[in-house]
Each structure stands twice: as C-alpha cells, then as structure tokens.
Protein backbone atom coordinates (compact mmCIF):
# COMPACT_ATOMS: atom_id res chain seq x y z
CA MET A 1 91.06 126.54 105.90
CA PHE A 2 94.33 125.55 104.21
CA ALA A 3 96.41 123.84 106.90
CA LYS A 4 97.94 120.62 105.49
CA LYS A 5 95.93 121.09 102.27
CA HIS A 6 97.46 119.85 99.00
CA ILE A 7 97.67 122.45 96.21
CA ILE A 8 97.13 120.39 93.05
CA SER A 9 94.69 122.10 90.68
CA MET A 10 92.76 125.35 90.46
CA ARG A 11 89.64 123.22 90.02
CA ASP A 12 89.92 122.37 93.71
CA PHE A 13 89.45 126.02 94.79
CA SER A 14 86.42 128.20 95.33
CA ARG A 15 86.51 131.90 94.55
CA ALA A 16 86.44 132.68 98.28
CA GLU A 17 89.53 130.52 98.82
CA ILE A 18 91.37 132.21 95.96
CA ASP A 19 90.47 135.64 97.30
CA HIS A 20 91.78 134.61 100.71
CA ILE A 21 95.15 133.62 99.22
CA LEU A 22 95.40 136.85 97.23
CA GLN A 23 94.61 138.91 100.34
CA ARG A 24 97.23 136.96 102.25
CA ALA A 25 99.77 137.64 99.48
CA GLU A 26 99.05 141.36 99.65
CA ALA A 27 99.63 141.34 103.40
CA LEU A 28 102.96 139.58 102.92
CA GLU A 29 104.19 141.53 99.88
CA THR A 30 106.25 143.96 101.97
CA PHE A 31 108.26 140.99 103.29
CA ALA A 32 108.94 139.75 99.75
CA SER A 33 111.46 142.46 98.92
CA GLU A 34 112.12 144.84 101.81
CA ARG A 35 112.44 142.65 104.89
CA SER A 36 111.77 139.12 106.08
CA THR A 37 109.74 137.51 108.83
CA ASP A 38 110.26 134.36 110.90
CA ILE A 39 106.73 132.94 110.95
CA LEU A 40 107.97 129.67 109.40
CA ALA A 41 111.16 129.38 111.44
CA GLY A 42 112.06 125.72 111.93
CA LYS A 43 110.01 124.57 108.90
CA ILE A 44 111.61 122.85 105.89
CA LEU A 45 110.48 123.00 102.27
CA ALA A 46 111.62 120.19 99.92
CA MET A 47 111.72 121.04 96.21
CA LEU A 48 111.57 118.07 93.83
CA PHE A 49 111.99 119.19 90.24
CA TYR A 50 112.01 116.51 87.55
CA GLU A 51 111.83 119.20 84.85
CA PRO A 52 113.83 122.43 84.36
CA SER A 53 112.72 125.53 86.24
CA THR A 54 114.09 128.97 87.04
CA ARG A 55 111.35 131.29 88.31
CA THR A 56 109.17 128.70 90.04
CA ARG A 57 112.04 127.02 91.86
CA LEU A 58 113.85 130.20 92.86
CA SER A 59 110.70 132.06 93.89
CA PHE A 60 109.61 129.17 96.12
CA GLU A 61 113.07 129.10 97.68
CA THR A 62 113.02 132.87 98.16
CA ALA A 63 109.50 132.72 99.61
CA MET A 64 110.44 130.08 102.17
CA LYS A 65 113.56 131.95 103.25
CA ARG A 66 111.70 135.27 103.50
CA LEU A 67 109.34 133.48 105.88
CA GLY A 68 112.24 132.29 108.03
CA GLY A 69 112.17 128.65 106.88
CA GLU A 70 114.76 126.46 105.18
CA THR A 71 114.86 124.57 101.89
CA ILE A 72 116.27 121.29 100.59
CA SER A 73 116.31 120.56 96.87
CA MET A 74 116.49 117.95 94.15
CA VAL A 75 117.04 119.94 90.99
CA SER A 76 118.50 117.22 88.77
CA THR A 77 117.22 113.69 88.32
CA GLU A 78 120.70 112.65 87.21
CA ALA A 79 122.04 113.50 90.66
CA SER A 80 119.24 111.72 92.53
CA SER A 81 118.01 108.17 93.08
CA ALA A 82 115.57 108.74 90.21
CA ALA A 83 118.54 107.99 87.96
CA LYS A 84 118.69 104.56 89.61
CA GLY A 85 115.04 103.92 88.83
CA GLU A 86 113.48 104.89 92.14
CA MET A 87 109.70 105.22 91.89
CA LEU A 88 108.21 108.67 92.47
CA ALA A 89 105.97 107.18 95.17
CA ASP A 90 108.99 106.03 97.16
CA THR A 91 110.73 109.37 96.75
CA ILE A 92 107.67 111.21 98.07
CA ARG A 93 107.40 108.93 101.10
CA VAL A 94 111.08 109.36 101.96
CA VAL A 95 111.25 113.12 101.43
CA GLY A 96 108.10 113.53 103.49
CA GLU A 97 110.14 112.29 106.44
CA TYR A 98 112.64 115.13 105.93
CA ALA A 99 110.39 118.10 105.16
CA ASP A 100 107.16 119.81 106.26
CA VAL A 101 105.98 120.57 102.71
CA ILE A 102 106.96 119.37 99.23
CA VAL A 103 106.91 121.34 95.97
CA LEU A 104 106.84 118.92 93.03
CA ARG A 105 107.35 119.46 89.31
CA HIS A 106 107.05 116.35 87.16
CA PRO A 107 106.61 115.71 83.41
CA LYS A 108 103.72 113.26 83.85
CA GLU A 109 100.24 114.73 84.07
CA GLY A 110 98.51 113.58 87.23
CA SER A 111 101.75 112.81 89.05
CA THR A 112 101.20 115.38 91.77
CA ARG A 113 97.68 114.18 92.59
CA MET A 114 98.99 110.63 92.86
CA SER A 115 101.79 111.85 95.11
CA ALA A 116 99.33 113.70 97.33
CA GLU A 117 97.40 110.49 97.94
CA MET A 118 100.41 108.92 99.65
CA SER A 119 102.00 111.94 101.31
CA ASP A 120 101.66 112.86 104.97
CA VAL A 121 102.84 116.42 104.24
CA PRO A 122 101.27 118.97 101.86
CA ILE A 123 102.17 118.60 98.17
CA ILE A 124 102.24 121.75 96.02
CA ASN A 125 102.01 121.19 92.28
CA ALA A 126 104.71 123.19 90.47
CA GLY A 127 103.65 121.81 87.09
CA ASP A 128 102.67 118.31 85.97
CA GLY A 129 103.28 117.91 82.26
CA ALA A 130 100.57 119.66 80.27
CA GLY A 131 98.26 119.50 83.27
CA HIS A 132 98.12 122.22 85.91
CA HIS A 133 100.33 124.83 87.57
CA PRO A 134 98.13 126.33 90.33
CA THR A 135 100.61 128.70 91.98
CA GLN A 136 101.39 130.21 88.57
CA THR A 137 97.68 130.87 88.18
CA LEU A 138 97.50 132.43 91.63
CA LEU A 139 100.35 134.80 90.83
CA ASP A 140 98.72 135.58 87.49
CA LEU A 141 95.50 136.51 89.26
CA TYR A 142 97.44 138.55 91.78
CA THR A 143 99.21 140.41 88.95
CA ILE A 144 95.87 141.21 87.33
CA LYS A 145 94.48 142.36 90.67
CA ARG A 146 97.48 144.62 91.36
CA GLU A 147 98.08 145.94 87.84
CA SER A 148 94.60 145.87 86.27
CA ASN A 149 91.23 144.67 87.60
CA LEU A 150 89.69 141.22 88.08
CA ARG A 151 86.20 142.66 87.67
CA ASN A 152 84.66 142.91 84.19
CA LEU A 153 87.89 141.52 82.78
CA ASN A 154 88.40 141.03 79.05
CA ILE A 155 91.46 138.82 78.63
CA ALA A 156 93.12 137.44 75.49
CA LEU A 157 95.13 134.23 75.87
CA ILE A 158 97.62 133.83 73.05
CA GLY A 159 99.90 131.06 71.81
CA ASP A 160 100.09 127.43 72.91
CA LEU A 161 96.66 126.75 74.37
CA LYS A 162 96.85 122.98 73.83
CA TYR A 163 99.93 122.11 75.88
CA GLY A 164 100.16 125.27 78.01
CA ARG A 165 99.44 124.20 81.60
CA THR A 166 99.49 127.82 82.75
CA VAL A 167 96.55 128.55 80.45
CA HIS A 168 94.66 125.41 81.49
CA SER A 169 94.83 126.46 85.14
CA LEU A 170 94.14 130.12 84.47
CA VAL A 171 90.94 129.74 82.47
CA TYR A 172 89.31 127.73 85.25
CA ALA A 173 90.14 130.43 87.78
CA LEU A 174 88.99 133.22 85.46
CA SER A 175 85.65 131.45 85.04
CA LEU A 176 85.02 132.05 88.75
CA TYR A 177 85.33 135.80 88.14
CA GLY A 178 83.07 135.89 85.10
CA ALA A 179 85.81 137.05 82.74
CA LYS A 180 85.33 137.41 79.00
CA ILE A 181 87.95 135.12 77.48
CA SER A 182 89.41 135.33 73.97
CA LEU A 183 91.52 132.40 72.77
CA VAL A 184 94.11 133.04 70.07
CA SER A 185 96.11 130.12 68.70
CA PRO A 186 96.99 128.17 65.56
CA GLU A 187 94.30 125.57 64.85
CA GLN A 188 96.76 122.82 65.87
CA LEU A 189 97.19 124.40 69.32
CA CYS A 190 93.63 125.30 70.29
CA ILE A 191 92.52 124.72 73.87
CA PRO A 192 91.38 121.14 74.67
CA SER A 193 87.68 120.63 73.94
CA ASP A 194 86.86 119.44 77.46
CA ILE A 195 88.18 122.69 78.96
CA LYS A 196 86.23 124.78 76.46
CA GLU A 197 83.08 122.80 77.22
CA ASP A 198 83.55 123.41 80.94
CA LEU A 199 83.87 127.14 80.32
CA THR A 200 80.72 127.17 78.20
CA LYS A 201 78.77 125.26 80.87
CA SER A 202 79.92 127.86 83.39
CA GLY A 203 78.32 130.58 81.27
CA ILE A 204 81.65 132.13 80.27
CA ASP A 205 81.80 134.19 77.09
CA VAL A 206 84.52 132.50 75.01
CA TYR A 207 85.72 133.78 71.64
CA GLU A 208 88.18 131.84 69.47
CA THR A 209 90.31 133.12 66.60
CA THR A 210 93.64 132.48 64.89
CA LYS A 211 94.33 136.20 64.37
CA LEU A 212 96.09 138.36 66.95
CA GLU A 213 94.63 141.58 65.53
CA ASP A 214 91.10 140.36 66.32
CA VAL A 215 91.61 140.77 70.07
CA MET A 216 94.13 143.54 70.73
CA GLU A 217 91.70 146.45 70.60
CA ASP A 218 89.29 145.24 73.32
CA ALA A 219 91.64 143.36 75.67
CA ASP A 220 92.35 144.57 79.20
CA VAL A 221 94.98 141.86 79.57
CA VAL A 222 96.99 140.18 76.83
CA TYR A 223 98.41 136.93 78.20
CA VAL A 224 101.09 135.54 75.91
CA THR A 225 102.56 132.03 76.02
CA ARG A 226 105.43 130.48 74.10
CA ILE A 227 104.97 127.59 71.71
CA GLN A 228 106.30 124.74 73.86
CA LYS A 229 108.72 122.77 71.71
CA GLU A 230 109.35 120.22 74.46
CA ARG A 231 105.68 119.14 74.55
CA PHE A 232 105.46 118.21 70.86
CA PRO A 233 105.74 114.48 70.12
CA ASP A 234 106.72 115.34 66.53
CA LEU A 235 109.30 118.09 65.89
CA SER A 236 107.95 118.71 62.39
CA GLU A 237 104.60 119.66 63.91
CA TYR A 238 106.32 122.20 66.17
CA GLN A 239 108.11 123.75 63.20
CA LYS A 240 104.77 124.35 61.49
CA VAL A 241 103.57 126.65 64.27
CA ALA A 242 106.80 128.10 65.70
CA GLY A 243 106.76 131.90 65.64
CA SER A 244 103.02 132.09 64.92
CA TYR A 245 102.57 135.26 66.99
CA ARG A 246 104.81 138.14 67.98
CA ILE A 247 103.85 141.13 70.12
CA SER A 248 105.69 144.28 68.99
CA LEU A 249 105.13 148.03 69.11
CA LYS A 250 102.99 147.67 65.98
CA SER A 251 100.63 145.46 67.98
CA LEU A 252 99.78 148.42 70.24
CA LYS A 253 98.20 150.49 67.48
CA ASN A 254 94.61 150.29 68.72
CA CYS A 255 95.00 148.84 72.20
CA LYS A 256 93.59 150.34 75.41
CA GLU A 257 95.78 152.85 77.25
CA ASP A 258 95.78 150.71 80.38
CA MET A 259 96.07 147.32 78.69
CA ILE A 260 98.72 145.10 80.28
CA ILE A 261 100.82 142.34 78.73
CA MET A 262 101.64 139.25 80.75
CA HIS A 263 103.77 136.17 80.10
CA PRO A 264 104.58 133.25 82.44
CA LEU A 265 108.12 133.18 81.02
CA PRO A 266 110.49 132.06 79.66
CA ARG A 267 109.84 133.82 76.37
CA VAL A 268 111.51 132.94 73.09
CA ASP A 269 110.45 135.32 70.32
CA GLU A 270 106.74 135.87 71.04
CA ILE A 271 107.28 139.30 72.67
CA ASP A 272 109.77 141.69 71.11
CA THR A 273 112.29 143.08 73.60
CA GLU A 274 111.29 146.58 72.49
CA MET A 275 108.10 146.00 74.46
CA ASP A 276 109.99 145.73 77.76
CA SER A 277 110.23 149.48 78.29
CA THR A 278 106.55 150.20 77.58
CA LYS A 279 103.98 150.81 80.32
CA HIS A 280 102.06 147.77 79.10
CA ALA A 281 104.78 145.24 79.91
CA LYS A 282 104.12 143.56 83.28
CA TYR A 283 105.79 140.16 82.82
CA PHE A 284 108.84 140.93 84.97
CA LYS A 285 106.61 142.38 87.69
CA GLN A 286 104.51 139.24 87.29
CA ALA A 287 107.60 137.14 88.04
CA PHE A 288 108.22 139.15 91.22
CA TYR A 289 104.64 138.65 92.37
CA GLY A 290 105.41 134.94 92.48
CA VAL A 291 107.29 135.53 95.74
CA PRO A 292 104.47 137.02 97.89
CA VAL A 293 101.93 134.61 96.39
CA ARG A 294 104.10 131.59 97.18
CA MET A 295 104.80 133.04 100.62
CA ALA A 296 101.03 133.13 101.12
CA VAL A 297 100.57 129.54 99.95
CA LEU A 298 103.42 128.18 102.07
CA SER A 299 102.31 129.97 105.20
CA LEU A 300 98.71 128.82 104.76
CA VAL A 301 99.40 125.14 104.12
CA LEU A 302 101.77 125.11 107.09
CA GLY A 303 99.02 126.43 109.33
CA CYS A 304 100.20 130.01 109.79
CA ASP A 305 97.13 132.01 108.80
CA VAL A 306 97.83 135.22 110.74
C-alpha cells in the first residue's frame, strides 16, 4: 500500500490509509521509548532541512534509529552545496544515490512535490513553506486518538490559520472524520478561502470567530498555534497581531473536564507555562507521539508493513 510512496500532502490520503498508519504507529509505540527493533537494519534515511527544526528532525532521527536504520543529515544550508548555489533538484538526485528515503523541509511551497517528481526514493515532506506538513498531521491525529476521540470531534483551531501549514494539513484530514471545526484567528490571519471552500464542499460544519471565549466551552480539543513571525513579508503586520491569544488557567473556566490542549510547538507566549501541569495539557505528549508515527511512516514507505 505504501511501499516507495511519497508523503507530500494529506490531500493524497484516504481515511482508510490514515487509519492504517495510525494502527501501525500504535503497534510500534512500545519500540519508541522502551526498546528498539531492527526491521530497517541496513536502511539509510537522509534528512535535508533548509529551515530550522528541532522536534521534526530529532523525532525522525530517533524513529529511524529505533527501527535499526541509520541517518545522514544536512541541517545547515551554509554548510552544504546549497550555499554554492546548487539547485534543489540536483541535491535530491545526488542524495537519492546515498539514501533509501529522504525527509525534506524547504521554505518554498510546492518544493517537496517537485522533488518527488525526480526522485527514485520516497520523499517525505517535513514542511514546505506555508504549504503542508503531513507527518505533523498524522501525529496530531494519533494524539487525538490516544488522548481524546476522533469520533464526533469538536475541535477549535486557534492562532495563525493563514500561514500555519500544520493547520492547513490538519483540517483536510479532520474533514475525513466529519469533525466540527471552529476557526479562531485575527481577521488578518484567517484560513485561506480555498481551504474553507473545500471544507464546506465536504459538508464540514465550520465556525469562524475572532474571540477565544466563543469556543472554549464546547471544544473537545483546543489546538493552538503560534503567530509565525518568519512568514510575514512585513514586520509591522506581524506586530499588529502578535500576542492575540493566550491560553491560561482563566481560559479553563467553562471548558469540558476531558478537553485537551495541543500545540505543534515551538510555543512563544500563546500558552502560559502554568498550563503545563494541568490534565488538559497534551503538547509534550504530542511531541513524543511523533516518534511512533514517524516510525510507522518510515517502515511503510520502505516496504516493511508487518
């Protein structure tokens, strides 16, 4: 089903395929922290990161090593031939000769799909500008499955919905599960109209507001994102919306007992640190779930579906 398949966008997946990955992640979760396996022994993962990353890069590396494989990395363009002007297409072709699978993060939207067209090995999109970040979405879904419930889900997505690639990927996946989606953002950072139109055509119940208090009471999941300063072409525009929302203990006044709070991280000031010790905070657990999910993806694209 997944052998040699490129992982570029959640729009390329059916619900059955997503469920298969999540089931595979659950089967591998014990190997993510307690012990390792050697099912990918002899395989090499190449990580090409043209943008900064902590959790995505390290969790992919951890996942590959837990599976018995090895990793090679380019974590700085300044220390690579990209600094000499090498085209991404040439880099992909060369690295494909060294590795069995490539994880690519690049600032240009659409770069990973272009790379996949010329690669003989699977390409996994680790973020392409403001485009998509499919493995983040998969670990988000897995977190919801493990800590809440994907059925009859009422989820509030808060913060930067315009530039947030994690949100763009997630809403498409949630539409496959019939979720009720609430979108909370400043007017300048509302979700792109084409994405909203796609959700509406899919029959998804979408509610939009600029006020955090409008959604806290009914939400099963509160998914918070930071305002992404690096995506703004004009710094003055960023300063107008910086700090628009902040989740604190006061925010919990009327929330559900089993409501969970998620965040793709890194956070800046959108979730108060006092929230970390509450039963609602799941963002650090969410980061851990990235390991079994990426173990599942790596094993599947490398043809080890056992």
